[in-house]
C-alpha atoms as a PDB file:
ATOM      1  CA  UNK A   1      46.227 -51.623  11.614  1.00  0.00           C
ATOM      2  CA  UNK A   2      46.064 -53.865  14.665  1.00  0.00           C
ATOM      3  CA  UNK A   3      42.961 -54.164  16.831  1.00  0.00           C
ATOM      4  CA  UNK A   4      42.525 -55.327  20.407  1.00  0.00           C
ATOM      5  CA  UNK A   5      39.717 -55.783  22.873  1.00  0.00           C
ATOM      6  CA  UNK A   6      39.434 -52.906  25.320  1.00  0.00           C
ATOM      7  CA  UNK A   7      40.164 -54.552  28.642  1.00  0.00           C
ATOM      8  CA  UNK A   8      37.935 -57.545  29.287  1.00  0.00           C
ATOM      9  CA  UNK A   9      35.139 -56.100  27.163  1.00  0.00           C
ATOM     10  CA  UNK A  10      34.160 -57.333  23.716  1.00  0.00           C
ATOM     11  CA  UNK A  11      34.799 -53.889  22.229  1.00  0.00           C
ATOM     12  CA  UNK A  12      37.492 -53.965  19.527  1.00  0.00           C
ATOM     13  CA  UNK A  13      39.538 -50.809  19.063  1.00  0.00           C
ATOM     14  CA  UNK A  14      42.477 -49.844  16.883  1.00  0.00           C
ATOM     15  CA  UNK A  15      45.824 -49.805  18.670  1.00  0.00           C
ATOM     16  CA  UNK A  16      46.069 -46.094  17.908  1.00  0.00           C
ATOM     17  CA  UNK A  17      43.356 -43.722  19.112  1.00  0.00           C
ATOM     18  CA  UNK A  18      43.008 -40.266  17.572  1.00  0.00           C
ATOM     19  CA  UNK A  19      42.711 -37.679  20.336  1.00  0.00           C
ATOM     20  CA  UNK A  20      40.523 -34.771  19.275  1.00  0.00           C
ATOM     21  CA  UNK A  21      41.494 -32.133  21.823  1.00  0.00           C
ATOM     22  CA  UNK A  22      43.531 -30.597  18.989  1.00  0.00           C
ATOM     23  CA  UNK A  23      40.384 -29.757  17.015  1.00  0.00           C
ATOM     24  CA  UNK A  24      37.862 -27.088  17.883  1.00  0.00           C
ATOM     25  CA  UNK A  25      36.897 -23.435  17.805  1.00  0.00           C
ATOM     26  CA  UNK A  26      39.745 -21.606  19.530  1.00  0.00           C
ATOM     27  CA  UNK A  27      37.515 -18.779  20.745  1.00  0.00           C
ATOM     28  CA  UNK A  28      35.321 -21.242  22.674  1.00  0.00           C
ATOM     29  CA  UNK A  29      38.107 -22.832  24.700  1.00  0.00           C
ATOM     30  CA  UNK A  30      41.466 -22.369  26.394  1.00  0.00           C
ATOM     31  CA  UNK A  31      43.733 -23.698  23.624  1.00  0.00           C
ATOM     32  CA  UNK A  32      44.633 -21.083  20.986  1.00  0.00           C
ATOM     33  CA  UNK A  33      46.574 -23.695  18.991  1.00  0.00           C
ATOM     34  CA  UNK A  34      43.597 -25.911  18.054  1.00  0.00           C
ATOM     35  CA  UNK A  35      42.824 -26.567  14.390  1.00  0.00           C
ATOM     36  CA  UNK A  36      39.492 -25.478  12.961  1.00  0.00           C
ATOM     37  CA  UNK A  37      36.907 -27.731  11.351  1.00  0.00           C
ATOM     38  CA  UNK A  38      38.175 -27.663   7.766  1.00  0.00           C
ATOM     39  CA  UNK A  39      41.645 -28.787   8.833  1.00  0.00           C
ATOM     40  CA  UNK A  40      40.365 -31.220  11.446  1.00  0.00           C
ATOM     41  CA  UNK A  41      38.330 -33.120   8.885  1.00  0.00           C
ATOM     42  CA  UNK A  42      41.507 -33.951   6.954  1.00  0.00           C
ATOM     43  CA  UNK A  43      42.960 -35.646  10.034  1.00  0.00           C
ATOM     44  CA  UNK A  44      39.796 -37.588  10.825  1.00  0.00           C
ATOM     45  CA  UNK A  45      39.578 -38.760   7.206  1.00  0.00           C
ATOM     46  CA  UNK A  46      43.246 -39.762   7.177  1.00  0.00           C
ATOM     47  CA  UNK A  47      42.870 -41.628  10.462  1.00  0.00           C
ATOM     48  CA  UNK A  48      40.017 -43.652   8.998  1.00  0.00           C
ATOM     49  CA  UNK A  49      42.068 -44.389   5.888  1.00  0.00           C
ATOM     50  CA  UNK A  50      44.841 -45.733   8.140  1.00  0.00           C
ATOM     51  CA  UNK A  51      42.406 -48.107   9.833  1.00  0.00           C
ATOM     52  CA  UNK A  52      41.931 -46.115  13.023  1.00  0.00           C
ATOM     53  CA  UNK A  53      38.416 -46.698  14.376  1.00  0.00           C
ATOM     54  CA  UNK A  54      38.885 -45.169  17.852  1.00  0.00           C
ATOM     55  CA  UNK A  55      38.307 -41.437  18.474  1.00  0.00           C
ATOM     56  CA  UNK A  56      38.532 -39.702  21.849  1.00  0.00           C
ATOM     57  CA  UNK A  57      37.179 -36.295  22.802  1.00  0.00           C
ATOM     58  CA  UNK A  58      35.527 -34.604  25.822  1.00  0.00           C
ATOM     59  CA  UNK A  59      32.634 -32.280  26.464  1.00  0.00           C
ATOM     60  CA  UNK A  60      34.997 -29.630  27.795  1.00  0.00           C
ATOM     61  CA  UNK A  61      37.345 -29.528  24.781  1.00  0.00           C
ATOM     62  CA  UNK A  62      36.990 -26.100  23.148  1.00  0.00           C
ATOM     63  CA  UNK A  63      33.622 -25.582  24.793  1.00  0.00           C
ATOM     64  CA  UNK A  64      32.058 -28.605  23.125  1.00  0.00           C
ATOM     65  CA  UNK A  65      33.187 -27.704  19.608  1.00  0.00           C
ATOM     66  CA  UNK A  66      35.572 -30.671  19.467  1.00  0.00           C
ATOM     67  CA  UNK A  67      32.598 -33.016  19.844  1.00  0.00           C
ATOM     68  CA  UNK A  68      30.677 -31.107  17.168  1.00  0.00           C
ATOM     69  CA  UNK A  69      33.518 -31.279  14.647  1.00  0.00           C
ATOM     70  CA  UNK A  70      34.181 -34.965  15.300  1.00  0.00           C
ATOM     71  CA  UNK A  71      30.510 -35.878  15.086  1.00  0.00           C
ATOM     72  CA  UNK A  72      29.923 -34.087  11.776  1.00  0.00           C
ATOM     73  CA  UNK A  73      33.043 -35.549  10.189  1.00  0.00           C
ATOM     74  CA  UNK A  74      32.334 -39.145  11.202  1.00  0.00           C
ATOM     75  CA  UNK A  75      28.732 -38.838  10.041  1.00  0.00           C
ATOM     76  CA  UNK A  76      29.964 -37.736   6.615  1.00  0.00           C
ATOM     77  CA  UNK A  77      32.789 -40.250   6.300  1.00  0.00           C
ATOM     78  CA  UNK A  78      31.739 -43.601   7.790  1.00  0.00           C
ATOM     79  CA  UNK A  79      28.750 -45.620   9.047  1.00  0.00           C
ATOM     80  CA  UNK A  80      28.219 -45.064  12.771  1.00  0.00           C
ATOM     81  CA  UNK A  81      28.676 -48.711  13.740  1.00  0.00           C
ATOM     82  CA  UNK A  82      32.171 -48.841  12.212  1.00  0.00           C
ATOM     83  CA  UNK A  83      33.734 -46.407  14.701  1.00  0.00           C
ATOM     84  CA  UNK A  84      34.242 -46.198  18.443  1.00  0.00           C
ATOM     85  CA  UNK A  85      33.490 -42.756  19.866  1.00  0.00           C
ATOM     86  CA  UNK A  86      34.770 -41.933  23.334  1.00  0.00           C
ATOM     87  CA  UNK A  87      34.003 -38.756  25.245  1.00  0.00           C
ATOM     88  CA  UNK A  88      34.317 -37.566  28.819  1.00  0.00           C
ATOM     89  CA  UNK A  89      32.413 -35.740  31.561  1.00  0.00           C
ATOM     90  CA  UNK A  90      33.510 -33.717  34.589  1.00  0.00           C
ATOM     91  CA  UNK A  91      34.856 -30.365  33.439  1.00  0.00           C
ATOM     92  CA  UNK A  92      33.002 -27.078  33.820  1.00  0.00           C
ATOM     93  CA  UNK A  93      30.624 -26.432  30.941  1.00  0.00           C
ATOM     94  CA  UNK A  94      28.791 -23.398  32.324  1.00  0.00           C
ATOM     95  CA  UNK A  95      29.093 -21.058  35.320  1.00  0.00           C
ATOM     96  CA  UNK A  96      27.158 -21.529  38.512  1.00  0.00           C
ATOM     97  CA  UNK A  97      25.858 -24.541  40.439  1.00  0.00           C
ATOM     98  CA  UNK A  98      25.695 -27.921  38.673  1.00  0.00           C
ATOM     99  CA  UNK A  99      27.763 -26.697  35.744  1.00  0.00           C
ATOM    100  CA  UNK A 100      30.540 -29.223  36.348  1.00  0.00           C
ATOM    101  CA  UNK A 101      31.371 -32.397  38.231  1.00  0.00           C
ATOM    102  CA  UNK A 102      29.957 -35.896  38.470  1.00  0.00           C
ATOM    103  CA  UNK A 103      26.654 -35.482  40.257  1.00  0.00           C
ATOM    104  CA  UNK A 104      23.674 -37.393  38.892  1.00  0.00           C
ATOM    105  CA  UNK A 105      22.223 -34.116  37.658  1.00  0.00           C
ATOM    106  CA  UNK A 106      25.427 -33.128  35.857  1.00  0.00           C
ATOM    107  CA  UNK A 107      25.963 -36.552  34.268  1.00  0.00           C
ATOM    108  CA  UNK A 108      22.395 -36.879  32.966  1.00  0.00           C
ATOM    109  CA  UNK A 109      22.548 -33.338  31.596  1.00  0.00           C
ATOM    110  CA  UNK A 110      25.961 -33.663  29.999  1.00  0.00           C
ATOM    111  CA  UNK A 111      25.410 -36.993  28.246  1.00  0.00           C
ATOM    112  CA  UNK A 112      22.436 -35.518  26.403  1.00  0.00           C
ATOM    113  CA  UNK A 113      24.458 -32.465  25.420  1.00  0.00           C
ATOM    114  CA  UNK A 114      27.360 -34.619  24.217  1.00  0.00           C
ATOM    115  CA  UNK A 115      25.026 -36.821  22.169  1.00  0.00           C
ATOM    116  CA  UNK A 116      23.503 -33.714  20.601  1.00  0.00           C
ATOM    117  CA  UNK A 117      26.899 -32.268  19.697  1.00  0.00           C
ATOM    118  CA  UNK A 118      28.205 -35.603  18.392  1.00  0.00           C
ATOM    119  CA  UNK A 119      25.027 -36.185  16.384  1.00  0.00           C
ATOM    120  CA  UNK A 120      24.595 -39.750  17.612  1.00  0.00           C
ATOM    121  CA  UNK A 121      22.198 -41.774  19.742  1.00  0.00           C
ATOM    122  CA  UNK A 122      24.912 -43.356  21.858  1.00  0.00           C
ATOM    123  CA  UNK A 123      28.535 -43.038  22.962  1.00  0.00           C
ATOM    124  CA  UNK A 124      30.680 -46.156  22.794  1.00  0.00           C
ATOM    125  CA  UNK A 125      32.909 -45.212  25.738  1.00  0.00           C
ATOM    126  CA  UNK A 126      31.824 -42.655  28.355  1.00  0.00           C
ATOM    127  CA  UNK A 127      34.600 -41.680  30.754  1.00  0.00           C
ATOM    128  CA  UNK A 128      34.772 -39.715  33.978  1.00  0.00           C
ATOM    129  CA  UNK A 129      37.445 -37.136  33.209  1.00  0.00           C
ATOM    130  CA  UNK A 130      38.658 -36.739  36.796  1.00  0.00           C
ATOM    131  CA  UNK A 131      37.596 -37.720  40.323  1.00  0.00           C
ATOM    132  CA  UNK A 132      34.883 -35.525  41.839  1.00  0.00           C
ATOM    133  CA  UNK A 133      35.728 -34.885  45.491  1.00  0.00           C
ATOM    134  CA  UNK A 134      32.394 -33.148  46.137  1.00  0.00           C
ATOM    135  CA  UNK A 135      30.063 -35.955  44.990  1.00  0.00           C
ATOM    136  CA  UNK A 136      29.732 -39.414  46.584  1.00  0.00           C
ATOM    137  CA  UNK A 137      31.278 -41.896  44.174  1.00  0.00           C
ATOM    138  CA  UNK A 138      28.235 -44.171  44.636  1.00  0.00           C
ATOM    139  CA  UNK A 139      26.027 -41.448  43.144  1.00  0.00           C
ATOM    140  CA  UNK A 140      28.333 -41.120  40.157  1.00  0.00           C
ATOM    141  CA  UNK A 141      28.604 -44.853  39.522  1.00  0.00           C
ATOM    142  CA  UNK A 142      24.863 -45.487  39.720  1.00  0.00           C
ATOM    143  CA  UNK A 143      24.158 -42.621  37.311  1.00  0.00           C
ATOM    144  CA  UNK A 144      26.696 -44.042  34.853  1.00  0.00           C
ATOM    145  CA  UNK A 145      25.154 -47.503  35.195  1.00  0.00           C
ATOM    146  CA  UNK A 146      21.745 -46.037  34.388  1.00  0.00           C
ATOM    147  CA  UNK A 147      23.146 -44.516  31.179  1.00  0.00           C
ATOM    148  CA  UNK A 148      24.345 -47.948  30.080  1.00  0.00           C
ATOM    149  CA  UNK A 149      20.956 -49.493  30.829  1.00  0.00           C
ATOM    150  CA  UNK A 150      19.222 -46.664  28.976  1.00  0.00           C
ATOM    151  CA  UNK A 151      21.285 -47.400  25.860  1.00  0.00           C
ATOM    152  CA  UNK A 152      22.935 -43.972  25.752  1.00  0.00           C
ATOM    153  CA  UNK A 153      26.354 -45.452  26.614  1.00  0.00           C
ATOM    154  CA  UNK A 154      27.852 -48.797  25.601  1.00  0.00           C
ATOM    155  CA  UNK A 155      30.891 -48.965  27.930  1.00  0.00           C
ATOM    156  CA  UNK A 156      32.313 -46.979  30.831  1.00  0.00           C
ATOM    157  CA  UNK A 157      35.837 -45.717  31.394  1.00  0.00           C
ATOM    158  CA  UNK A 158      37.743 -43.585  33.880  1.00  0.00           C
ATOM    159  CA  UNK A 159      40.631 -41.152  33.615  1.00  0.00           C
ATOM    160  CA  UNK A 160      43.466 -39.901  35.788  1.00  0.00           C
ATOM    161  CA  UNK A 161      43.034 -40.611  39.510  1.00  0.00           C
ATOM    162  CA  UNK A 162      44.800 -42.359  42.365  1.00  0.00           C
ATOM    163  CA  UNK A 163      44.920 -46.145  42.221  1.00  0.00           C
ATOM    164  CA  UNK A 164      43.039 -46.431  45.531  1.00  0.00           C
ATOM    165  CA  UNK A 165      40.211 -44.341  44.099  1.00  0.00           C
ATOM    166  CA  UNK A 166      39.959 -46.500  40.999  1.00  0.00           C
ATOM    167  CA  UNK A 167      39.976 -49.696  43.055  1.00  0.00           C
ATOM    168  CA  UNK A 168      37.249 -48.298  45.311  1.00  0.00           C
ATOM    169  CA  UNK A 169      35.109 -47.546  42.263  1.00  0.00           C
ATOM    170  CA  UNK A 170      35.666 -51.007  40.761  1.00  0.00           C
ATOM    171  CA  UNK A 171      34.780 -52.660  44.078  1.00  0.00           C
ATOM    172  CA  UNK A 172      31.563 -50.652  44.410  1.00  0.00           C
ATOM    173  CA  UNK A 173      30.559 -51.512  40.847  1.00  0.00           C
ATOM    174  CA  UNK A 174      31.046 -55.198  41.590  1.00  0.00           C
ATOM    175  CA  UNK A 175      29.211 -55.000  44.934  1.00  0.00           C
ATOM    176  CA  UNK A 176      26.136 -53.320  43.462  1.00  0.00           C
ATOM    177  CA  UNK A 177      26.090 -55.074  40.106  1.00  0.00           C
ATOM    178  CA  UNK A 178      26.660 -51.810  38.266  1.00  0.00           C
ATOM    179  CA  UNK A 179      28.294 -51.571  34.835  1.00  0.00           C
ATOM    180  CA  UNK A 180      32.067 -51.778  35.285  1.00  0.00           C
ATOM    181  CA  UNK A 181      34.840 -49.538  34.056  1.00  0.00           C
ATOM    182  CA  UNK A 182      36.589 -51.286  31.155  1.00  0.00           C
ATOM    183  CA  UNK A 183      39.319 -48.697  30.596  1.00  0.00           C
ATOM    184  CA  UNK A 184      41.646 -46.244  32.298  1.00  0.00           C
ATOM    185  CA  UNK A 185      42.839 -43.156  30.435  1.00  0.00           C
ATOM    186  CA  UNK A 186      45.882 -42.031  32.360  1.00  0.00           C
ATOM    187  CA  UNK A 187      49.113 -40.137  31.863  1.00  0.00           C
ATOM    188  CA  UNK A 188      51.917 -42.446  30.681  1.00  0.00           C
ATOM    189  CA  UNK A 189      55.046 -41.622  28.688  1.00  0.00           C
ATOM    190  CA  UNK A 190      58.838 -41.773  28.943  1.00  0.00           C
ATOM    191  CA  UNK A 191      58.908 -38.456  30.810  1.00  0.00           C
ATOM    192  CA  UNK A 192      56.254 -39.478  33.334  1.00  0.00           C
ATOM    193  CA  UNK A 193      56.286 -43.074  34.537  1.00  0.00           C
ATOM    194  CA  UNK A 194      54.715 -42.763  37.979  1.00  0.00           C
ATOM    195  CA  UNK A 195      51.680 -44.782  36.830  1.00  0.00           C
ATOM    196  CA  UNK A 196      53.926 -47.852  36.641  1.00  0.00           C
ATOM    197  CA  UNK A 197      54.040 -47.979  40.440  1.00  0.00           C
ATOM    198  CA  UNK A 198      50.383 -48.764  41.174  1.00  0.00           C
ATOM    199  CA  UNK A 199      47.888 -47.920  38.437  1.00  0.00           C
ATOM    200  CA  UNK A 200      49.289 -50.075  35.636  1.00  0.00           C
ATOM    201  CA  UNK A 201      49.669 -53.171  37.857  1.00  0.00           C
ATOM    202  CA  UNK A 202      46.124 -52.601  39.155  1.00  0.00           C
ATOM    203  CA  UNK A 203      44.729 -52.396  35.625  1.00  0.00           C
ATOM    204  CA  UNK A 204      46.643 -55.532  34.668  1.00  0.00           C
ATOM    205  CA  UNK A 205      45.232 -57.429  37.660  1.00  0.00           C
ATOM    206  CA  UNK A 206      41.674 -56.205  37.109  1.00  0.00           C
ATOM    207  CA  UNK A 207      41.580 -56.686  33.335  1.00  0.00           C
ATOM    208  CA  UNK A 208      41.218 -52.975  32.601  1.00  0.00           C
ATOM    209  CA  UNK A 209      42.521 -51.652  29.281  1.00  0.00           C
ATOM    210  CA  UNK A 210      44.838 -48.648  29.434  1.00  0.00           C
ATOM    211  CA  UNK A 211      44.557 -45.862  26.858  1.00  0.00           C
ATOM    212  CA  UNK A 212      47.252 -43.328  27.828  1.00  0.00           C
ATOM    213  CA  UNK A 213      46.868 -39.634  27.179  1.00  0.00           C
ATOM    214  CA  UNK A 214      49.881 -37.571  26.136  1.00  0.00           C
ATOM    215  CA  UNK A 215      52.064 -40.560  25.154  1.00  0.00           C
ATOM    216  CA  UNK A 216      54.472 -38.092  23.529  1.00  0.00           C
ATOM    217  CA  UNK A 217      54.502 -35.706  26.510  1.00  0.00           C
ATOM    218  CA  UNK A 218      52.631 -33.053  24.551  1.00  0.00           C
ATOM    219  CA  UNK A 219      55.204 -33.286  21.768  1.00  0.00           C
ATOM    220  CA  UNK A 220      58.321 -33.084  23.924  1.00  0.00           C
ATOM    221  CA  UNK A 221      59.302 -36.636  23.000  1.00  0.00           C
ATOM    222  CA  UNK A 222      58.748 -36.053  19.286  1.00  0.00           C
ATOM    223  CA  UNK A 223      61.397 -33.405  18.652  1.00  0.00           C
ATOM    224  CA  UNK A 224      64.889 -32.384  19.811  1.00  0.00           C
ATOM    225  CA  UNK A 225      64.869 -30.595  23.148  1.00  0.00           C
ATOM    226  CA  UNK A 226      65.508 -27.065  21.881  1.00  0.00           C
ATOM    227  CA  UNK A 227      62.874 -27.123  19.141  1.00  0.00           C
ATOM    228  CA  UNK A 228      59.552 -25.445  19.905  1.00  0.00           C
ATOM    229  CA  UNK A 229      56.097 -25.235  18.376  1.00  0.00           C
ATOM    230  CA  UNK A 230      53.161 -22.865  18.629  1.00  0.00           C
ATOM    231  CA  UNK A 231      51.525 -25.278  21.029  1.00  0.00           C
ATOM    232  CA  UNK A 232      54.589 -25.672  23.251  1.00  0.00           C
ATOM    233  CA  UNK A 233      54.885 -21.903  23.530  1.00  0.00           C
ATOM    234  CA  UNK A 234      51.228 -21.372  24.505  1.00  0.00           C
ATOM    235  CA  UNK A 235      50.300 -24.583  26.365  1.00  0.00           C
ATOM    236  CA  UNK A 236      50.065 -23.436  29.986  1.00  0.00           C
ATOM    237  CA  UNK A 237      49.005 -26.873  31.277  1.00  0.00           C
ATOM    238  CA  UNK A 238      52.115 -28.468  29.805  1.00  0.00           C
ATOM    239  CA  UNK A 239      54.283 -26.089  31.783  1.00  0.00           C
ATOM    240  CA  UNK A 240      52.716 -27.271  35.022  1.00  0.00           C
ATOM    241  CA  UNK A 241      53.481 -30.872  34.009  1.00  0.00           C
ATOM    242  CA  UNK A 242      57.104 -30.490  32.978  1.00  0.00           C
ATOM    243  CA  UNK A 243      58.747 -27.311  34.215  1.00  0.00           C
ATOM    244  CA  UNK A 244      59.983 -28.799  37.514  1.00  0.00           C
ATOM    245  CA  UNK A 245      61.822 -31.710  35.874  1.00  0.00           C
ATOM    246  CA  UNK A 246      63.260 -30.060  32.800  1.00  0.00           C
ATOM    247  CA  UNK A 247      66.889 -30.998  33.411  1.00  0.00           C
ATOM    248  CA  UNK A 248      66.143 -34.690  33.990  1.00  0.00           C
ATOM    249  CA  UNK A 249      63.678 -34.811  31.108  1.00  0.00           C
ATOM    250  CA  UNK A 250      66.239 -33.356  28.715  1.00  0.00           C
ATOM    251  CA  UNK A 251      68.390 -36.491  29.114  1.00  0.00           C
ATOM    252  CA  UNK A 252      65.442 -38.795  28.376  1.00  0.00           C
ATOM    253  CA  UNK A 253      64.607 -36.837  25.224  1.00  0.00           C
ATOM    254  CA  UNK A 254      68.252 -37.089  24.159  1.00  0.00           C
ATOM    255  CA  UNK A 255      68.084 -40.886  24.545  1.00  0.00           C
ATOM    256  CA  UNK A 256      64.983 -41.010  22.348  1.00  0.00           C
ATOM    257  CA  UNK A 257      66.694 -38.816  19.750  1.00  0.00           C
ATOM    258  CA  UNK A 258      69.794 -41.034  19.732  1.00  0.00           C
ATOM    259  CA  UNK A 259      67.833 -44.262  19.263  1.00  0.00           C
ATOM    260  CA  UNK A 260      65.650 -42.712  16.556  1.00  0.00           C
ATOM    261  CA  UNK A 261      68.777 -41.672  14.670  1.00  0.00           C
ATOM    262  CA  UNK A 262      70.259 -45.147  15.059  1.00  0.00           C
ATOM    263  CA  UNK A 263      67.058 -46.824  13.851  1.00  0.00           C
ATOM    264  CA  UNK A 264      66.462 -44.347  11.048  1.00  0.00           C
ATOM    265  CA  UNK A 265      62.947 -43.506  12.259  1.00  0.00           C
ATOM    266  CA  UNK A 266      61.279 -40.513  13.878  1.00  0.00           C
ATOM    267  CA  UNK A 267      61.500 -39.765  17.588  1.00  0.00           C
ATOM    268  CA  UNK A 268      57.716 -40.072  17.826  1.00  0.00           C
ATOM    269  CA  UNK A 269      57.872 -43.656  16.572  1.00  0.00           C
ATOM    270  CA  UNK A 270      60.396 -44.612  19.232  1.00  0.00           C
ATOM    271  CA  UNK A 271      58.496 -42.940  22.067  1.00  0.00           C
ATOM    272  CA  UNK A 272      55.202 -44.510  20.979  1.00  0.00           C
ATOM    273  CA  UNK A 273      56.772 -47.933  20.529  1.00  0.00           C
ATOM    274  CA  UNK A 274      57.864 -47.772  24.179  1.00  0.00           C
ATOM    275  CA  UNK A 275      54.299 -46.980  25.311  1.00  0.00           C
ATOM    276  CA  UNK A 276      52.759 -49.645  23.070  1.00  0.00           C
ATOM    277  CA  UNK A 277      54.946 -52.349  24.594  1.00  0.00           C
ATOM    278  CA  UNK A 278      53.791 -51.483  28.129  1.00  0.00           C
ATOM    279  CA  UNK A 279      51.269 -53.887  29.603  1.00  0.00           C
ATOM    280  CA  UNK A 280      48.266 -53.440  29.783  1.00  0.00           C
ATOM    281  CA  UNK A 281      48.338 -50.556  27.268  1.00  0.00           C
ATOM    282  CA  UNK A 282      45.777 -51.060  24.499  1.00  0.00           C
ATOM    283  CA  UNK A 283      45.824 -47.828  22.500  1.00  0.00           C
ATOM    284  CA  UNK A 284      47.794 -44.609  23.131  1.00  0.00           C
ATOM    285  CA  UNK A 285      45.759 -41.491  22.423  1.00  0.00           C
ATOM    286  CA  UNK A 286      47.650 -39.474  19.805  1.00  0.00           C
ATOM    287  CA  UNK A 287      46.925 -35.834  19.123  1.00  0.00           C
ATOM    288  CA  UNK A 288      47.787 -34.937  15.527  1.00  0.00           C
ATOM    289  CA  UNK A 289      48.203 -31.465  14.029  1.00  0.00           C
ATOM    290  CA  UNK A 290      50.256 -32.658  11.047  1.00  0.00           C
ATOM    291  CA  UNK A 291      49.316 -35.637   8.899  1.00  0.00           C
ATOM    292  CA  UNK A 292      52.775 -37.076   9.467  1.00  0.00           C
ATOM    293  CA  UNK A 293      51.888 -37.420  13.166  1.00  0.00           C
ATOM    294  CA  UNK A 294      49.313 -40.057  12.255  1.00  0.00           C
ATOM    295  CA  UNK A 295      51.692 -41.831   9.888  1.00  0.00           C
ATOM    296  CA  UNK A 296      54.332 -41.960  12.621  1.00  0.00           C
ATOM    297  CA  UNK A 297      51.825 -43.318  15.134  1.00  0.00           C
ATOM    298  CA  UNK A 298      50.805 -46.183  12.875  1.00  0.00           C
ATOM    299  CA  UNK A 299      54.429 -46.884  11.902  1.00  0.00           C
ATOM    300  CA  UNK A 300      55.289 -47.273  15.598  1.00  0.00           C
ATOM    301  CA  UNK A 301      53.205 -50.456  15.678  1.00  0.00           C
ATOM    302  CA  UNK A 302      55.871 -52.216  13.621  1.00  0.00           C
ATOM    303  CA  UNK A 303      58.755 -51.299  15.921  1.00  0.00           C
ATOM    304  CA  UNK A 304      59.838 -53.895  18.474  1.00  0.00           C
ATOM    305  CA  UNK A 305      62.276 -52.459  20.972  1.00  0.00           C
ATOM    306  CA  UNK A 306      64.947 -54.754  22.350  1.00  0.00           C
ATOM    307  CA  UNK A 307      65.488 -55.040  26.130  1.00  0.00           C
ATOM    308  CA  UNK A 308      68.747 -53.119  25.725  1.00  0.00           C
ATOM    309  CA  UNK A 309      66.969 -50.313  23.858  1.00  0.00           C
ATOM    310  CA  UNK A 310      64.267 -50.102  26.513  1.00  0.00           C
ATOM    311  CA  UNK A 311      66.921 -49.913  29.197  1.00  0.00           C
ATOM    312  CA  UNK A 312      68.668 -47.072  27.355  1.00  0.00           C
ATOM    313  CA  UNK A 313      65.407 -45.130  27.030  1.00  0.00           C
ATOM    314  CA  UNK A 314      64.564 -45.572  30.707  1.00  0.00           C
ATOM    315  CA  UNK A 315      68.046 -45.119  32.179  1.00  0.00           C
ATOM    316  CA  UNK A 316      67.846 -41.385  32.946  1.00  0.00           C
ATOM    317  CA  UNK A 317      64.368 -41.330  34.464  1.00  0.00           C
ATOM    318  CA  UNK A 318      64.036 -40.078  38.040  1.00  0.00           C
ATOM    319  CA  UNK A 319      60.889 -40.101  40.216  1.00  0.00           C
ATOM    320  CA  UNK A 320      58.514 -37.258  39.428  1.00  0.00           C
ATOM    321  CA  UNK A 321      55.954 -35.435  41.498  1.00  0.00           C
ATOM    322  CA  UNK A 322      52.540 -36.951  40.907  1.00  0.00           C
ATOM    323  CA  UNK A 323      50.613 -34.696  38.499  1.00  0.00           C
ATOM    324  CA  UNK A 324      47.665 -34.865  36.132  1.00  0.00           C
ATOM    325  CA  UNK A 325      44.952 -35.841  38.632  1.00  0.00           C
ATOM    326  CA  UNK A 326      43.377 -32.425  39.096  1.00  0.00           C
END
């Protein structure tokens, strides 16, 4: 396993992060395809055996059960200081006022609930899951800073938003001396490259580490176009991401399939190798529902794509509508 510092921080993370949205209690969330605790523990154990020390979840995943499963497994398998636990805040956790968002009240409430579910005294990386248009960003940033000073959070990160919003937040953190975002978790893969226009160059310039979500386009880049899975047939969010560009995306997937066949490796390894070679990507977040998914992710670290291969993979891409921010 390779390890890198997350942005300009001193935090060292594995170059593959295990995304834990795939694990939870299906009845408590919106994803009927999630794996339950007994199965999830096998993946967390295998990830540790492969050298992965970076695990990402969110309070909203399966109604908090993803955090519970991850916390119990890590407590059983490894000393707390040997892993990096990342979680997120923003999504609705209960009905009514103050049950979602990034107000001071919501953030202070939700960090305590996440810590309880994870069974830990602190979170290594606490991320705002989306931009909150109803709360002044200054209120959000000061509340996050206070969590760092209180010792409940070690580092701060952000997730999908417009580049101008992220730059505004970074500037306010610098102006007020508040703890700074060290990472950006955004949507980057061969089927969606709009982040290359502004967000990736911004992160490069500001020394922010990028940890992309859905590097395999929710599995679309890991299998031939006509193959389907239980998740692909029931994942409503994925349809909003990809249904408008299906014809263009089909050609990109075909290019991945052709190169994988030529190299004698899986499609997932090729698609991940492309993401890993993007600057300033530190660690793609990989969701695994088969143990081979983790093996493929780690194997991708050894693949160096040539300029000609990169050009072939990128040749059929066309501009996409900006998605993933809401």
